[in-house]
Full PDB file with SEQRES, HELIX, SHEET, SSBOND, CRYST1, ORIGX, SCALE, CONECT and MASTER records, all heavy atoms in Angstrom:
SEQRES   1 A   32  PRO CYS LYS ASN ARG VAL VAL PHE GLU ASP VAL TRP ALA          
SEQRES   2 A   32  GLU ARG ASP HIS PRO GLU PHE PHE ASN ARG LYS ARG LEU          
SEQRES   3 A   32  ASN GLN LEU MET GLY THR                                      
HELIX    1 AA1 ARG A   23  MET A   30  1                                   8    
CRYST1    1.000    1.000    1.000  90.00  90.00  90.00 P 1           1          
ORIGX1      1.000000  0.000000  0.000000        0.00000                         
ORIGX2      0.000000  1.000000  0.000000        0.00000                         
ORIGX3      0.000000  0.000000  1.000000        0.00000                         
SCALE1      1.000000  0.000000  0.000000        0.00000                         
SCALE2      0.000000  1.000000  0.000000        0.00000                         
SCALE3      0.000000  0.000000  1.000000        0.00000                         
ATOM      1  N   PRO A   1      13.920   5.563 -17.772  1.00  0.00           N  
ATOM      2  CA  PRO A   1      15.133   5.168 -17.049  1.00  0.00           C  
ATOM      3  C   PRO A   1      14.808   4.116 -15.989  1.00  0.00           C  
ATOM      4  O   PRO A   1      13.647   3.906 -15.641  1.00  0.00           O  
ATOM      5  CB  PRO A   1      15.597   6.479 -16.399  1.00  0.00           C  
ATOM      6  CG  PRO A   1      14.381   7.330 -16.322  1.00  0.00           C  
ATOM      7  CD  PRO A   1      13.504   6.928 -17.470  1.00  0.00           C  
ATOM      8  N   CYS A   2      15.828   3.477 -15.493  1.00  0.00           N  
ATOM      9  CA  CYS A   2      15.739   2.521 -14.379  1.00  0.00           C  
ATOM     10  C   CYS A   2      14.919   1.277 -14.703  1.00  0.00           C  
ATOM     11  O   CYS A   2      14.319   0.663 -13.809  1.00  0.00           O  
ATOM     12  CB  CYS A   2      15.185   3.192 -13.124  1.00  0.00           C  
ATOM     13  SG  CYS A   2      16.171   4.574 -12.560  1.00  0.00           S  
ATOM     14  N   LYS A   3      14.922   0.877 -15.963  1.00  0.00           N  
ATOM     15  CA  LYS A   3      14.171  -0.322 -16.354  1.00  0.00           C  
ATOM     16  C   LYS A   3      14.597  -1.523 -15.524  1.00  0.00           C  
ATOM     17  O   LYS A   3      15.781  -1.698 -15.229  1.00  0.00           O  
ATOM     18  CB  LYS A   3      14.388  -0.640 -17.835  1.00  0.00           C  
ATOM     19  CG  LYS A   3      13.782   0.377 -18.765  1.00  0.00           C  
ATOM     20  CD  LYS A   3      14.063   0.003 -20.202  1.00  0.00           C  
ATOM     21  CE  LYS A   3      13.500   1.039 -21.141  1.00  0.00           C  
ATOM     22  NZ  LYS A   3      13.701   0.685 -22.532  1.00  0.00           N  
ATOM     23  N   ASN A   4      13.623  -2.314 -15.127  1.00  0.00           N  
ATOM     24  CA  ASN A   4      13.807  -3.562 -14.401  1.00  0.00           C  
ATOM     25  C   ASN A   4      14.273  -3.368 -12.949  1.00  0.00           C  
ATOM     26  O   ASN A   4      14.553  -4.330 -12.259  1.00  0.00           O  
ATOM     27  CB  ASN A   4      14.759  -4.506 -15.140  1.00  0.00           C  
ATOM     28  CG  ASN A   4      14.517  -5.947 -14.771  1.00  0.00           C  
ATOM     29  OD1 ASN A   4      13.389  -6.358 -14.527  1.00  0.00           O  
ATOM     30  ND2 ASN A   4      15.571  -6.733 -14.704  1.00  0.00           N  
ATOM     31  N   ARG A   5      14.358  -2.138 -12.482  1.00  0.00           N  
ATOM     32  CA  ARG A   5      14.710  -1.875 -11.075  1.00  0.00           C  
ATOM     33  C   ARG A   5      13.488  -2.148 -10.209  1.00  0.00           C  
ATOM     34  O   ARG A   5      12.352  -2.145 -10.673  1.00  0.00           O  
ATOM     35  CB  ARG A   5      15.170  -0.434 -10.889  1.00  0.00           C  
ATOM     36  CG  ARG A   5      16.420  -0.050 -11.668  1.00  0.00           C  
ATOM     37  CD  ARG A   5      17.720  -0.465 -11.032  1.00  0.00           C  
ATOM     38  NE  ARG A   5      17.900   0.007  -9.690  1.00  0.00           N  
ATOM     39  CZ  ARG A   5      18.454   1.173  -9.358  1.00  0.00           C  
ATOM     40  NH1 ARG A   5      18.893   1.992 -10.287  1.00  0.00           N  
ATOM     41  NH2 ARG A   5      18.581   1.509  -8.092  1.00  0.00           N  
ATOM     42  N   VAL A   6      13.713  -2.348  -8.941  1.00  0.00           N  
ATOM     43  CA  VAL A   6      12.653  -2.699  -8.005  1.00  0.00           C  
ATOM     44  C   VAL A   6      12.528  -1.628  -6.928  1.00  0.00           C  
ATOM     45  O   VAL A   6      13.529  -1.103  -6.446  1.00  0.00           O  
ATOM     46  CB  VAL A   6      12.948  -4.073  -7.357  1.00  0.00           C  
ATOM     47  CG1 VAL A   6      11.935  -4.409  -6.294  1.00  0.00           C  
ATOM     48  CG2 VAL A   6      12.978  -5.161  -8.419  1.00  0.00           C  
ATOM     49  N   VAL A   7      11.278  -1.312  -6.568  1.00  0.00           N  
ATOM     50  CA  VAL A   7      10.976  -0.378  -5.481  1.00  0.00           C  
ATOM     51  C   VAL A   7      10.004  -1.090  -4.548  1.00  0.00           C  
ATOM     52  O   VAL A   7       9.087  -1.778  -5.009  1.00  0.00           O  
ATOM     53  CB  VAL A   7      10.348   0.932  -6.018  1.00  0.00           C  
ATOM     54  CG1 VAL A   7      10.001   1.872  -4.886  1.00  0.00           C  
ATOM     55  CG2 VAL A   7      11.272   1.598  -7.021  1.00  0.00           C  
ATOM     56  N   PHE A   8      10.200  -0.922  -3.248  1.00  0.00           N  
ATOM     57  CA  PHE A   8       9.358  -1.588  -2.257  1.00  0.00           C  
ATOM     58  C   PHE A   8       8.516  -0.571  -1.493  1.00  0.00           C  
ATOM     59  O   PHE A   8       8.924   0.575  -1.306  1.00  0.00           O  
ATOM     60  CB  PHE A   8      10.218  -2.366  -1.258  1.00  0.00           C  
ATOM     61  CG  PHE A   8      10.981  -3.489  -1.885  1.00  0.00           C  
ATOM     62  CD1 PHE A   8      12.276  -3.313  -2.325  1.00  0.00           C  
ATOM     63  CD2 PHE A   8      10.394  -4.732  -2.050  1.00  0.00           C  
ATOM     64  CE1 PHE A   8      12.986  -4.348  -2.912  1.00  0.00           C  
ATOM     65  CE2 PHE A   8      11.090  -5.775  -2.635  1.00  0.00           C  
ATOM     66  CZ  PHE A   8      12.391  -5.582  -3.067  1.00  0.00           C  
ATOM     67  N   GLU A   9       7.361  -1.042  -1.027  1.00  0.00           N  
ATOM     68  CA  GLU A   9       6.488  -0.227  -0.183  1.00  0.00           C  
ATOM     69  C   GLU A   9       5.827  -1.141   0.839  1.00  0.00           C  
ATOM     70  O   GLU A   9       5.458  -2.269   0.524  1.00  0.00           O  
ATOM     71  CB  GLU A   9       5.414   0.464  -1.029  1.00  0.00           C  
ATOM     72  CG  GLU A   9       4.426   1.253  -0.198  1.00  0.00           C  
ATOM     73  CD  GLU A   9       3.309   1.890  -1.002  1.00  0.00           C  
ATOM     74  OE1 GLU A   9       2.996   1.405  -2.102  1.00  0.00           O  
ATOM     75  OE2 GLU A   9       2.745   2.867  -0.496  1.00  0.00           O  
ATOM     76  N   ASP A  10       5.666  -0.642   2.049  1.00  0.00           N  
ATOM     77  CA  ASP A  10       4.932  -1.365   3.081  1.00  0.00           C  
ATOM     78  C   ASP A  10       3.626  -0.650   3.348  1.00  0.00           C  
ATOM     79  O   ASP A  10       3.598   0.574   3.520  1.00  0.00           O  
ATOM     80  CB  ASP A  10       5.735  -1.432   4.389  1.00  0.00           C  
ATOM     81  CG  ASP A  10       6.961  -2.325   4.276  1.00  0.00           C  
ATOM     82  OD1 ASP A  10       6.909  -3.291   3.490  1.00  0.00           O  
ATOM     83  OD2 ASP A  10       7.955  -2.066   4.970  1.00  0.00           O  
ATOM     84  N   VAL A  11       2.532  -1.416   3.376  1.00  0.00           N  
ATOM     85  CA  VAL A  11       1.218  -0.898   3.757  1.00  0.00           C  
ATOM     86  C   VAL A  11       0.875  -1.583   5.074  1.00  0.00           C  
ATOM     87  O   VAL A  11       0.703  -2.804   5.120  1.00  0.00           O  
ATOM     88  CB  VAL A  11       0.151  -1.189   2.675  1.00  0.00           C  
ATOM     89  CG1 VAL A  11      -1.219  -0.725   3.131  1.00  0.00           C  
ATOM     90  CG2 VAL A  11       0.533  -0.527   1.350  1.00  0.00           C  
ATOM     91  N   TRP A  12       0.794  -0.790   6.135  1.00  0.00           N  
ATOM     92  CA  TRP A  12       0.637  -1.330   7.481  1.00  0.00           C  
ATOM     93  C   TRP A  12      -0.821  -1.515   7.854  1.00  0.00           C  
ATOM     94  O   TRP A  12      -1.706  -0.824   7.335  1.00  0.00           O  
ATOM     95  CB  TRP A  12       1.304  -0.396   8.488  1.00  0.00           C  
ATOM     96  CG  TRP A  12       2.786  -0.381   8.327  1.00  0.00           C  
ATOM     97  CD1 TRP A  12       3.525   0.464   7.533  1.00  0.00           C  
ATOM     98  CD2 TRP A  12       3.715  -1.268   8.931  1.00  0.00           C  
ATOM     99  NE1 TRP A  12       4.853   0.153   7.624  1.00  0.00           N  
ATOM    100  CE2 TRP A  12       5.006  -0.900   8.477  1.00  0.00           C  
ATOM    101  CE3 TRP A  12       3.592  -2.330   9.821  1.00  0.00           C  
ATOM    102  CZ2 TRP A  12       6.148  -1.568   8.879  1.00  0.00           C  
ATOM    103  CZ3 TRP A  12       4.736  -2.994  10.222  1.00  0.00           C  
ATOM    104  CH2 TRP A  12       5.998  -2.605   9.760  1.00  0.00           C  
ATOM    105  N   ALA A  13      -1.054  -2.412   8.800  1.00  0.00           N  
ATOM    106  CA  ALA A  13      -2.393  -2.581   9.372  1.00  0.00           C  
ATOM    107  C   ALA A  13      -2.740  -1.296  10.121  1.00  0.00           C  
ATOM    108  O   ALA A  13      -1.867  -0.633  10.689  1.00  0.00           O  
ATOM    109  CB  ALA A  13      -2.423  -3.779  10.316  1.00  0.00           C  
ATOM    110  N   GLU A  14      -4.018  -0.952  10.114  1.00  0.00           N  
ATOM    111  CA  GLU A  14      -4.459   0.271  10.787  1.00  0.00           C  
ATOM    112  C   GLU A  14      -4.328   0.104  12.300  1.00  0.00           C  
ATOM    113  O   GLU A  14      -4.572  -0.971  12.841  1.00  0.00           O  
ATOM    114  CB  GLU A  14      -5.908   0.581  10.411  1.00  0.00           C  
ATOM    115  CG  GLU A  14      -6.072   0.919   8.951  1.00  0.00           C  
ATOM    116  CD  GLU A  14      -7.523   1.187   8.558  1.00  0.00           C  
ATOM    117  OE1 GLU A  14      -8.408   1.129   9.437  1.00  0.00           O  
ATOM    118  OE2 GLU A  14      -7.753   1.454   7.371  1.00  0.00           O  
ATOM    119  N   ARG A  15      -3.965   1.179  12.954  1.00  0.00           N  
ATOM    120  CA  ARG A  15      -3.764   1.141  14.408  1.00  0.00           C  
ATOM    121  C   ARG A  15      -5.085   0.887  15.140  1.00  0.00           C  
ATOM    122  O   ARG A  15      -5.150   0.049  16.036  1.00  0.00           O  
ATOM    123  CB  ARG A  15      -3.144   2.450  14.875  1.00  0.00           C  
ATOM    124  CG  ARG A  15      -2.820   2.456  16.353  1.00  0.00           C  
ATOM    125  CD  ARG A  15      -2.002   3.643  16.714  1.00  0.00           C  
ATOM    126  NE  ARG A  15      -0.692   3.460  16.074  1.00  0.00           N  
ATOM    127  CZ  ARG A  15       0.253   4.368  16.034  1.00  0.00           C  
ATOM    128  NH1 ARG A  15       0.059   5.527  16.587  1.00  0.00           N  
ATOM    129  NH2 ARG A  15       1.400   4.131  15.445  1.00  0.00           N  
ATOM    130  N   ASP A  16      -6.141   1.605  14.767  1.00  0.00           N  
ATOM    131  CA  ASP A  16      -7.429   1.473  15.455  1.00  0.00           C  
ATOM    132  C   ASP A  16      -8.207   0.234  15.034  1.00  0.00           C  
ATOM    133  O   ASP A  16      -9.066  -0.236  15.777  1.00  0.00           O  
ATOM    134  CB  ASP A  16      -8.281   2.722  15.229  1.00  0.00           C  
ATOM    135  CG  ASP A  16      -7.652   3.963  15.853  1.00  0.00           C  
ATOM    136  OD1 ASP A  16      -6.868   3.813  16.814  1.00  0.00           O  
ATOM    137  OD2 ASP A  16      -7.932   5.080  15.363  1.00  0.00           O  
ATOM    138  N   HIS A  17      -7.956  -0.238  13.829  1.00  0.00           N  
ATOM    139  CA  HIS A  17      -8.641  -1.423  13.298  1.00  0.00           C  
ATOM    140  C   HIS A  17      -7.601  -2.345  12.665  1.00  0.00           C  
ATOM    141  O   HIS A  17      -7.466  -2.393  11.438  1.00  0.00           O  
ATOM    142  CB  HIS A  17      -9.701  -1.030  12.255  1.00  0.00           C  
ATOM    143  CG  HIS A  17     -10.752  -0.127  12.798  1.00  0.00           C  
ATOM    144  ND1 HIS A  17     -11.791  -0.584  13.557  1.00  0.00           N  
ATOM    145  CD2 HIS A  17     -10.909   1.221  12.706  1.00  0.00           C  
ATOM    146  CE1 HIS A  17     -12.558   0.436  13.909  1.00  0.00           C  
ATOM    147  NE2 HIS A  17     -12.044   1.540  13.406  1.00  0.00           N  
ATOM    148  N   PRO A  18      -6.850  -3.095  13.483  1.00  0.00           N  
ATOM    149  CA  PRO A  18      -5.739  -3.904  12.945  1.00  0.00           C  
ATOM    150  C   PRO A  18      -6.180  -5.036  12.016  1.00  0.00           C  
ATOM    151  O   PRO A  18      -5.341  -5.621  11.346  1.00  0.00           O  
ATOM    152  CB  PRO A  18      -5.056  -4.450  14.200  1.00  0.00           C  
ATOM    153  CG  PRO A  18      -6.044  -4.304  15.293  1.00  0.00           C  
ATOM    154  CD  PRO A  18      -6.961  -3.192  14.924  1.00  0.00           C  
ATOM    155  N   GLU A  19      -7.478  -5.307  11.940  1.00  0.00           N  
ATOM    156  CA  GLU A  19      -7.942  -6.321  10.997  1.00  0.00           C  
ATOM    157  C   GLU A  19      -7.939  -5.794   9.562  1.00  0.00           C  
ATOM    158  O   GLU A  19      -8.079  -6.558   8.609  1.00  0.00           O  
ATOM    159  CB  GLU A  19      -9.348  -6.824  11.386  1.00  0.00           C  
ATOM    160  CG  GLU A  19     -10.461  -5.804  11.237  1.00  0.00           C  
ATOM    161  CD  GLU A  19     -10.657  -4.881  12.443  1.00  0.00           C  
ATOM    162  OE1 GLU A  19      -9.782  -4.780  13.315  1.00  0.00           O  
ATOM    163  OE2 GLU A  19     -11.721  -4.235  12.491  1.00  0.00           O  
ATOM    164  N   PHE A  20      -7.765  -4.471   9.395  1.00  0.00           N  
ATOM    165  CA  PHE A  20      -7.710  -3.845   8.081  1.00  0.00           C  
ATOM    166  C   PHE A  20      -6.323  -3.275   7.831  1.00  0.00           C  
ATOM    167  O   PHE A  20      -5.698  -2.720   8.728  1.00  0.00           O  
ATOM    168  CB  PHE A  20      -8.716  -2.686   7.959  1.00  0.00           C  
ATOM    169  CG  PHE A  20     -10.148  -3.106   8.030  1.00  0.00           C  
ATOM    170  CD1 PHE A  20     -10.926  -2.777   9.133  1.00  0.00           C  
ATOM    171  CD2 PHE A  20     -10.728  -3.813   6.995  1.00  0.00           C  
ATOM    172  CE1 PHE A  20     -12.246  -3.152   9.202  1.00  0.00           C  
ATOM    173  CE2 PHE A  20     -12.052  -4.191   7.055  1.00  0.00           C  
ATOM    174  CZ  PHE A  20     -12.812  -3.865   8.162  1.00  0.00           C  
ATOM    175  N   PHE A  21      -5.870  -3.395   6.585  1.00  0.00           N  
ATOM    176  CA  PHE A  21      -4.665  -2.691   6.175  1.00  0.00           C  
ATOM    177  C   PHE A  21      -5.102  -1.308   5.719  1.00  0.00           C  
ATOM    178  O   PHE A  21      -6.262  -1.087   5.408  1.00  0.00           O  
ATOM    179  CB  PHE A  21      -3.944  -3.463   5.069  1.00  0.00           C  
ATOM    180  CG  PHE A  21      -3.360  -4.754   5.582  1.00  0.00           C  
ATOM    181  CD1 PHE A  21      -4.082  -5.925   5.529  1.00  0.00           C  
ATOM    182  CD2 PHE A  21      -2.098  -4.777   6.151  1.00  0.00           C  
ATOM    183  CE1 PHE A  21      -3.558  -7.109   6.027  1.00  0.00           C  
ATOM    184  CE2 PHE A  21      -1.568  -5.946   6.658  1.00  0.00           C  
ATOM    185  CZ  PHE A  21      -2.301  -7.112   6.601  1.00  0.00           C  
ATOM    186  N   ASN A  22      -4.183  -0.365   5.691  1.00  0.00           N  
ATOM    187  CA  ASN A  22      -4.488   1.026   5.375  1.00  0.00           C  
ATOM    188  C   ASN A  22      -5.457   1.107   4.184  1.00  0.00           C  
ATOM    189  O   ASN A  22      -5.065   0.984   3.029  1.00  0.00           O  
ATOM    190  CB  ASN A  22      -3.193   1.773   5.083  1.00  0.00           C  
ATOM    191  CG  ASN A  22      -3.384   3.246   4.869  1.00  0.00           C  
ATOM    192  OD1 ASN A  22      -4.405   3.704   4.387  1.00  0.00           O  
ATOM    193  ND2 ASN A  22      -2.364   3.997   5.234  1.00  0.00           N  
ATOM    194  N   ARG A  23      -6.736   1.296   4.519  1.00  0.00           N  
ATOM    195  CA  ARG A  23      -7.787   1.261   3.492  1.00  0.00           C  
ATOM    196  C   ARG A  23      -7.641   2.384   2.482  1.00  0.00           C  
ATOM    197  O   ARG A  23      -7.906   2.198   1.304  1.00  0.00           O  
ATOM    198  CB  ARG A  23      -9.174   1.284   4.152  1.00  0.00           C  
ATOM    199  CG  ARG A  23      -9.482  -0.025   4.864  1.00  0.00           C  
ATOM    200  CD  ARG A  23     -10.768   0.039   5.608  1.00  0.00           C  
ATOM    201  NE  ARG A  23     -10.517   0.648   6.920  1.00  0.00           N  
ATOM    202  CZ  ARG A  23     -11.382   0.633   7.908  1.00  0.00           C  
ATOM    203  NH1 ARG A  23     -12.563   0.091   7.751  1.00  0.00           N  
ATOM    204  NH2 ARG A  23     -11.084   1.201   9.062  1.00  0.00           N  
ATOM    205  N   LYS A  24      -7.212   3.560   2.931  1.00  0.00           N  
ATOM    206  CA  LYS A  24      -7.039   4.677   1.998  1.00  0.00           C  
ATOM    207  C   LYS A  24      -5.975   4.326   0.958  1.00  0.00           C  
ATOM    208  O   LYS A  24      -6.167   4.521  -0.232  1.00  0.00           O  
ATOM    209  CB  LYS A  24      -6.661   5.943   2.762  1.00  0.00           C  
ATOM    210  CG  LYS A  24      -6.477   7.141   1.863  1.00  0.00           C  
ATOM    211  CD  LYS A  24      -6.143   8.393   2.639  1.00  0.00           C  
ATOM    212  CE  LYS A  24      -5.967   9.570   1.699  1.00  0.00           C  
ATOM    213  NZ  LYS A  24      -5.546  10.773   2.406  1.00  0.00           N  
ATOM    214  N   ARG A  25      -4.856   3.790   1.424  1.00  0.00           N  
ATOM    215  CA  ARG A  25      -3.757   3.451   0.510  1.00  0.00           C  
ATOM    216  C   ARG A  25      -4.170   2.342  -0.458  1.00  0.00           C  
ATOM    217  O   ARG A  25      -3.888   2.408  -1.650  1.00  0.00           O  
ATOM    218  CB  ARG A  25      -2.537   3.031   1.338  1.00  0.00           C  
ATOM    219  CG  ARG A  25      -1.238   3.098   0.600  1.00  0.00           C  
ATOM    220  CD  ARG A  25      -0.841   4.512   0.322  1.00  0.00           C  
ATOM    221  NE  ARG A  25       0.528   4.534  -0.187  1.00  0.00           N  
ATOM    222  CZ  ARG A  25       1.058   5.566  -0.790  1.00  0.00           C  
ATOM    223  NH1 ARG A  25       0.375   6.664  -0.941  1.00  0.00           N  
ATOM    224  NH2 ARG A  25       2.274   5.513  -1.230  1.00  0.00           N  
ATOM    225  N   LEU A  26      -4.858   1.314   0.049  1.00  0.00           N  
ATOM    226  CA  LEU A  26      -5.313   0.228  -0.823  1.00  0.00           C  
ATOM    227  C   LEU A  26      -6.353   0.723  -1.824  1.00  0.00           C  
ATOM    228  O   LEU A  26      -6.344   0.308  -2.987  1.00  0.00           O  
ATOM    229  CB  LEU A  26      -5.863  -0.932  -0.002  1.00  0.00           C  
ATOM    230  CG  LEU A  26      -4.824  -1.749   0.764  1.00  0.00           C  
ATOM    231  CD1 LEU A  26      -5.495  -2.838   1.581  1.00  0.00           C  
ATOM    232  CD2 LEU A  26      -3.794  -2.351  -0.177  1.00  0.00           C  
ATOM    233  N   ASN A  27      -7.234   1.623  -1.405  1.00  0.00           N  
ATOM    234  CA  ASN A  27      -8.207   2.187  -2.340  1.00  0.00           C  
ATOM    235  C   ASN A  27      -7.514   3.012  -3.416  1.00  0.00           C  
ATOM    236  O   ASN A  27      -7.928   3.007  -4.576  1.00  0.00           O  
ATOM    237  CB  ASN A  27      -9.254   3.028  -1.606  1.00  0.00           C  
ATOM    238  CG  ASN A  27     -10.364   2.186  -1.047  1.00  0.00           C  
ATOM    239  OD1 ASN A  27     -10.857   1.276  -1.716  1.00  0.00           O  
ATOM    240  ND2 ASN A  27     -10.768   2.470   0.176  1.00  0.00           N  
ATOM    241  N   GLN A  28      -6.450   3.729  -3.044  1.00  0.00           N  
ATOM    242  CA  GLN A  28      -5.691   4.484  -4.042  1.00  0.00           C  
ATOM    243  C   GLN A  28      -5.052   3.534  -5.045  1.00  0.00           C  
ATOM    244  O   GLN A  28      -5.061   3.797  -6.255  1.00  0.00           O  
ATOM    245  CB  GLN A  28      -4.625   5.343  -3.362  1.00  0.00           C  
ATOM    246  CG  GLN A  28      -5.191   6.496  -2.573  1.00  0.00           C  
ATOM    247  CD  GLN A  28      -4.143   7.194  -1.727  1.00  0.00           C  
ATOM    248  OE1 GLN A  28      -3.060   6.659  -1.465  1.00  0.00           O  
ATOM    249  NE2 GLN A  28      -4.452   8.398  -1.271  1.00  0.00           N  
ATOM    250  N   LEU A  29      -4.499   2.421  -4.557  1.00  0.00           N  
ATOM    251  CA  LEU A  29      -3.904   1.420  -5.449  1.00  0.00           C  
ATOM    252  C   LEU A  29      -4.957   0.811  -6.371  1.00  0.00           C  
ATOM    253  O   LEU A  29      -4.768   0.708  -7.576  1.00  0.00           O  
ATOM    254  CB  LEU A  29      -3.255   0.307  -4.630  1.00  0.00           C  
ATOM    255  CG  LEU A  29      -1.778   0.406  -4.364  1.00  0.00           C  
ATOM    256  CD1 LEU A  29      -1.325  -0.673  -3.405  1.00  0.00           C  
ATOM    257  CD2 LEU A  29      -0.977   0.351  -5.636  1.00  0.00           C  
ATOM    258  N   MET A  30      -6.084   0.382  -5.800  1.00  0.00           N  
ATOM    259  CA  MET A  30      -7.132  -0.230  -6.611  1.00  0.00           C  
ATOM    260  C   MET A  30      -7.749   0.776  -7.577  1.00  0.00           C  
ATOM    261  O   MET A  30      -8.212   0.406  -8.654  1.00  0.00           O  
ATOM    262  CB  MET A  30      -8.199  -0.856  -5.717  1.00  0.00           C  
ATOM    263  CG  MET A  30      -7.701  -2.109  -5.027  1.00  0.00           C  
ATOM    264  SD  MET A  30      -8.972  -2.979  -4.110  1.00  0.00           S  
ATOM    265  CE  MET A  30      -9.110  -1.969  -2.657  1.00  0.00           C  
ATOM    266  N   GLY A  31      -7.718   2.061  -7.211  1.00  0.00           N  
ATOM    267  CA  GLY A  31      -8.260   3.107  -8.078  1.00  0.00           C  
ATOM    268  C   GLY A  31      -7.485   3.288  -9.366  1.00  0.00           C  
ATOM    269  O   GLY A  31      -7.967   3.913 -10.302  1.00  0.00           O  
ATOM    270  N   THR A  32      -6.281   2.739  -9.450  1.00  0.00           N  
ATOM    271  CA  THR A  32      -5.500   2.823 -10.682  1.00  0.00           C  
ATOM    272  C   THR A  32      -5.954   1.774 -11.695  1.00  0.00           C  
ATOM    273  O   THR A  32      -5.507   1.791 -12.834  1.00  0.00           O  
ATOM    274  CB  THR A  32      -3.996   2.633 -10.410  1.00  0.00           C  
ATOM    275  OG1 THR A  32      -3.770   1.306  -9.914  1.00  0.00           O  
ATOM    276  CG2 THR A  32      -3.473   3.659  -9.417  1.00  0.00           C  
TER     277      THR A  32                                                      
MASTER        0    0    0    1    0    0    0    6  276    1    0    3          
END                                                                             
């Protein structure tokens, strides 16, 4: 269902290390 529909997600820069975006979330994405 829902072919061609769009879903959005924001991955924020880390609070303690703003030079990095949420590394856990990006690693989960790359792990796919």
